[in-house]
Amino acid sequence: VFLDLTVADLRASYSTRCRTAIRKALNHEIETVWPEQTATSAPFGSYYRDGMKAISAHDFYFFNDAYFEALQALPDAELLICHRHGEWLSAGLFLTSGRMMEYHLSATTTEGRHCGATNLLIDAAAHRAQARGCTSLYLGGGTDAHIDNPLLFFKQSFSKLKRPFRIGFTTFWPDHYQALKRDYMQRADFNSRYLFYRN
C-alpha cells in the first residue's frame, strides 16, 4: 500500500474511518514530535519490542539492539513519536530516499490504539514527506498474503493504491550474499535504504 502525496488535501483522500481515528487522537490531545537526533537504538528498540510482545507478534518482527544502532547511523532514518504529556502512545521509524518516504517499523500501546495514535502517526509522516517534495509514502503490506489481513486492512484505510511485492526469508548462499553486500555498499550510487538486515 502506498499514499499518493501529490494530492492537495491528504486527509480528504483517506477513508472515513481513518479520518475519524485521526480526529479522535487530536481530541485526546495527542501530539507528534520528530526528535532532532534519530535516537532509535535504546528507547525505540525497547519500546518496539515491548509492543511486539503485547500483540504476540511472530519472531520475524523482533529486531535486536544492533539493528537499531545500525538504523541510527543511516542519515535518512527518522523517529516520529505520538505522545500525551510525554508518555509515548505510538512511535515509528521512517526512511526517506529521493521522492519516497517509507513507513518502516512502529509500535503502539493499548491506550494508543484506543485513541487512534497510529493513524495520527502515519498522517503526520505523510504531511512531513509531502512538505519535503516526496511524491509517495510507502506503507507496505500485511503480515501475510491474505486479502483480509488486519494490518493490510488498516493500511488501506489511508489509500487503496497498491503494488505487488515479495519478501525473502532465507539466504541460500551466505558467502555470495556477503560479497554482494560488500560490493554494493562500495558503489558510488549506493542507496542507504537497503538495510541488509537479514543475513
Protein backbone atom coordinates (compact mmCIF):
# COMPACT_ATOMS: atom_id res chain seq x y z
CA VAL A 1 0.00 0.00 0.00
CA PHE A 2 1.26 3.49 -0.76
CA LEU A 3 -0.07 7.03 -0.48
CA ASP A 4 -0.07 9.47 -3.36
CA LEU A 5 1.40 12.62 -1.82
CA THR A 6 0.74 14.76 -4.88
CA VAL A 7 -2.90 15.28 -3.89
CA ALA A 8 -3.69 18.70 -2.45
CA ASP A 9 -5.66 17.51 0.59
CA LEU A 10 -4.17 14.34 2.05
CA ARG A 11 -6.78 13.73 4.72
CA ALA A 12 -9.58 14.03 2.20
CA SER A 13 -8.04 11.05 0.38
CA TYR A 14 -8.25 8.82 3.48
CA SER A 15 -11.23 6.64 4.35
CA THR A 16 -13.89 7.98 6.70
CA ARG A 17 -12.81 5.63 9.49
CA CYS A 18 -9.21 6.80 9.14
CA ARG A 19 -10.17 10.47 9.37
CA THR A 20 -12.35 9.68 12.39
CA ALA A 21 -9.42 7.99 14.14
CA ILE A 22 -7.16 11.00 13.48
CA ARG A 23 -9.77 13.37 14.91
CA LYS A 24 -10.08 11.10 17.94
CA ALA A 25 -6.31 11.25 18.50
CA LEU A 26 -6.33 15.04 18.26
CA ASN A 27 -9.32 15.27 20.61
CA HIS A 28 -7.32 13.20 23.11
CA GLU A 29 -4.59 15.86 22.94
CA ILE A 30 -2.03 13.52 21.38
CA GLU A 31 0.91 15.45 19.95
CA THR A 32 3.58 14.46 17.42
CA VAL A 33 7.27 15.18 17.65
CA TRP A 34 10.27 14.42 15.44
CA PRO A 35 13.32 14.37 17.77
CA GLU A 36 16.32 16.23 16.40
CA GLN A 37 18.50 13.17 16.96
CA THR A 38 17.43 9.89 15.39
CA ALA A 39 17.55 8.33 18.89
CA THR A 40 16.48 4.96 17.60
CA SER A 41 18.71 2.45 19.34
CA ALA A 42 17.86 2.32 23.04
CA PRO A 43 14.47 3.96 23.64
CA PHE A 44 12.74 2.95 20.43
CA GLY A 45 14.25 -0.54 20.34
CA SER A 46 12.86 -1.37 23.77
CA TYR A 47 9.55 0.34 23.08
CA TYR A 48 9.16 -1.50 19.77
CA ARG A 49 9.95 -4.93 21.23
CA ASP A 50 7.51 -4.35 24.10
CA GLY A 51 4.87 -3.51 21.51
CA MET A 52 5.57 -6.67 19.55
CA LYS A 53 5.32 -8.78 22.71
CA ALA A 54 1.99 -7.16 23.59
CA ILE A 55 0.45 -8.28 20.30
CA SER A 56 2.21 -11.69 20.27
CA ALA A 57 3.99 -10.89 17.02
CA HIS A 58 5.93 -13.52 15.08
CA ASP A 59 9.67 -13.77 15.82
CA PHE A 60 10.34 -12.31 12.38
CA TYR A 61 9.23 -8.89 13.65
CA PHE A 62 11.70 -8.73 16.53
CA PHE A 63 14.95 -6.82 15.98
CA ASN A 64 17.95 -6.68 18.32
CA ASP A 65 19.80 -3.64 19.59
CA ALA A 66 22.46 -3.96 16.87
CA TYR A 67 19.80 -3.48 14.22
CA PHE A 68 18.53 -0.27 15.79
CA GLU A 69 22.08 1.00 16.26
CA ALA A 70 22.68 0.43 12.54
CA LEU A 71 19.49 2.33 11.75
CA GLN A 72 20.67 5.21 13.89
CA ALA A 73 23.69 5.55 11.61
CA LEU A 74 21.53 5.99 8.49
CA PRO A 75 21.23 9.66 7.52
CA ASP A 76 17.65 9.28 6.28
CA ALA A 77 16.16 7.35 9.22
CA GLU A 78 13.86 9.39 11.44
CA LEU A 79 11.86 8.67 14.54
CA LEU A 80 8.35 10.06 14.97
CA ILE A 81 6.67 9.94 18.37
CA CYS A 82 3.00 10.41 19.25
CA HIS A 83 2.74 11.28 22.92
CA ARG A 84 0.48 12.77 25.53
CA HIS A 85 2.17 14.68 28.33
CA GLY A 86 5.44 12.91 27.49
CA GLU A 87 4.02 9.37 27.52
CA TRP A 88 4.66 7.51 24.26
CA LEU A 89 1.44 6.18 22.75
CA SER A 90 2.83 5.35 19.31
CA ALA A 91 6.26 5.65 17.70
CA GLY A 92 7.59 4.79 14.28
CA LEU A 93 10.71 4.79 12.18
CA PHE A 94 10.54 6.30 8.71
CA LEU A 95 13.13 6.16 5.93
CA THR A 96 13.37 8.67 3.10
CA SER A 97 15.12 8.24 -0.22
CA GLY A 98 14.66 10.52 -3.18
CA ARG A 99 10.97 11.30 -3.52
CA MET A 100 9.70 8.43 -1.39
CA MET A 101 9.29 8.01 2.35
CA GLU A 102 8.88 4.52 3.79
CA TYR A 103 6.98 3.53 6.92
CA HIS A 104 9.50 1.06 8.32
CA LEU A 105 8.63 -0.02 11.87
CA SER A 106 6.24 1.15 14.56
CA ALA A 107 4.66 0.12 17.82
CA THR A 108 1.63 1.41 19.69
CA THR A 109 0.44 0.91 23.24
CA THR A 110 -3.02 -0.42 24.04
CA GLU A 111 -4.11 3.07 25.07
CA GLY A 112 -2.64 4.47 21.88
CA ARG A 113 -4.67 2.04 19.77
CA HIS A 114 -7.86 3.11 21.55
CA CYS A 115 -7.04 6.76 20.87
CA GLY A 116 -6.13 6.44 17.17
CA ALA A 117 -2.46 7.27 17.76
CA THR A 118 -1.14 5.12 14.89
CA ASN A 119 -3.42 6.89 12.43
CA LEU A 120 -2.07 10.23 13.63
CA LEU A 121 1.49 8.89 13.36
CA ILE A 122 1.13 7.98 9.69
CA ASP A 123 -0.78 11.16 8.88
CA ALA A 124 1.98 13.29 10.42
CA ALA A 125 4.63 11.40 8.45
CA ALA A 126 2.65 11.82 5.22
CA HIS A 127 2.41 15.58 5.72
CA ARG A 128 6.12 15.85 6.52
CA ALA A 129 7.03 13.85 3.42
CA GLN A 130 4.69 15.93 1.28
CA ALA A 131 6.23 19.17 2.58
CA ARG A 132 9.65 17.84 1.54
CA GLY A 133 8.51 17.22 -2.01
CA CYS A 134 8.10 13.46 -1.73
CA THR A 135 5.51 12.01 -4.10
CA SER A 136 4.70 8.81 -2.19
CA LEU A 137 4.66 7.27 1.27
CA TYR A 138 5.16 3.52 1.16
CA LEU A 139 3.24 1.74 3.92
CA GLY A 140 3.96 -1.88 2.99
CA GLY A 141 1.54 -4.79 3.23
CA GLY A 142 0.05 -7.11 5.79
CA THR A 143 1.61 -9.82 7.92
CA ASP A 144 0.57 -12.49 5.41
CA ALA A 145 -0.79 -12.77 1.87
CA HIS A 146 -4.49 -12.89 2.81
CA ILE A 147 -6.60 -10.04 1.45
CA ASP A 148 -8.43 -9.77 4.80
CA ASN A 149 -5.23 -9.37 6.83
CA PRO A 150 -5.91 -6.88 9.68
CA LEU A 151 -2.69 -4.91 9.13
CA LEU A 152 -3.39 -4.63 5.41
CA PHE A 153 -6.97 -3.55 6.21
CA PHE A 154 -5.59 -0.80 8.47
CA LYS A 155 -3.12 0.46 5.88
CA GLN A 156 -5.77 0.50 3.16
CA SER A 157 -7.76 2.97 5.25
CA PHE A 158 -5.14 5.50 4.12
CA SER A 159 -5.04 4.50 0.46
CA LYS A 160 -6.35 1.94 -2.00
CA LEU A 161 -3.22 2.24 -4.14
CA LYS A 162 -1.20 -1.00 -4.17
CA ARG A 163 1.81 -2.56 -5.85
CA PRO A 164 2.88 -6.25 -5.82
CA PHE A 165 5.81 -7.20 -3.58
CA ARG A 166 7.77 -10.21 -2.37
CA ILE A 167 9.64 -10.91 0.86
CA GLY A 168 12.67 -13.19 1.05
CA PHE A 169 13.23 -15.10 4.27
CA THR A 170 16.29 -17.23 3.52
CA THR A 171 19.87 -16.53 2.46
CA PHE A 172 20.75 -19.59 0.41
CA TRP A 173 24.41 -18.74 -0.29
CA PRO A 174 25.70 -16.71 2.68
CA ASP A 175 29.19 -16.19 1.23
CA HIS A 176 27.83 -14.89 -2.07
CA TYR A 177 25.34 -12.71 -0.23
CA GLN A 178 28.07 -11.12 1.91
CA ALA A 179 30.18 -10.49 -1.20
CA LEU A 180 27.27 -8.85 -2.98
CA LYS A 181 26.52 -6.76 0.09
CA ARG A 182 30.15 -5.63 0.39
CA ASP A 183 30.45 -4.79 -3.30
CA TYR A 184 27.13 -2.97 -3.43
CA MET A 185 27.90 -0.80 -0.40
CA GLN A 186 31.08 0.40 -2.13
CA ARG A 187 29.22 1.64 -5.20
CA ALA A 188 29.04 5.37 -5.76
CA ASP A 189 25.26 5.18 -6.23
CA PHE A 190 24.69 3.14 -3.04
CA ASN A 191 21.23 3.78 -1.65
CA SER A 192 21.17 3.80 2.16
CA ARG A 193 17.61 2.43 2.17
CA TYR A 194 19.00 -1.07 1.54
CA LEU A 195 19.45 -2.34 5.08
CA PHE A 196 20.70 -5.92 4.57
CA TYR A 197 19.28 -6.82 7.97
CA ARG A 198 18.53 -10.48 7.24
CA ASN A 199 21.95 -12.05 6.88
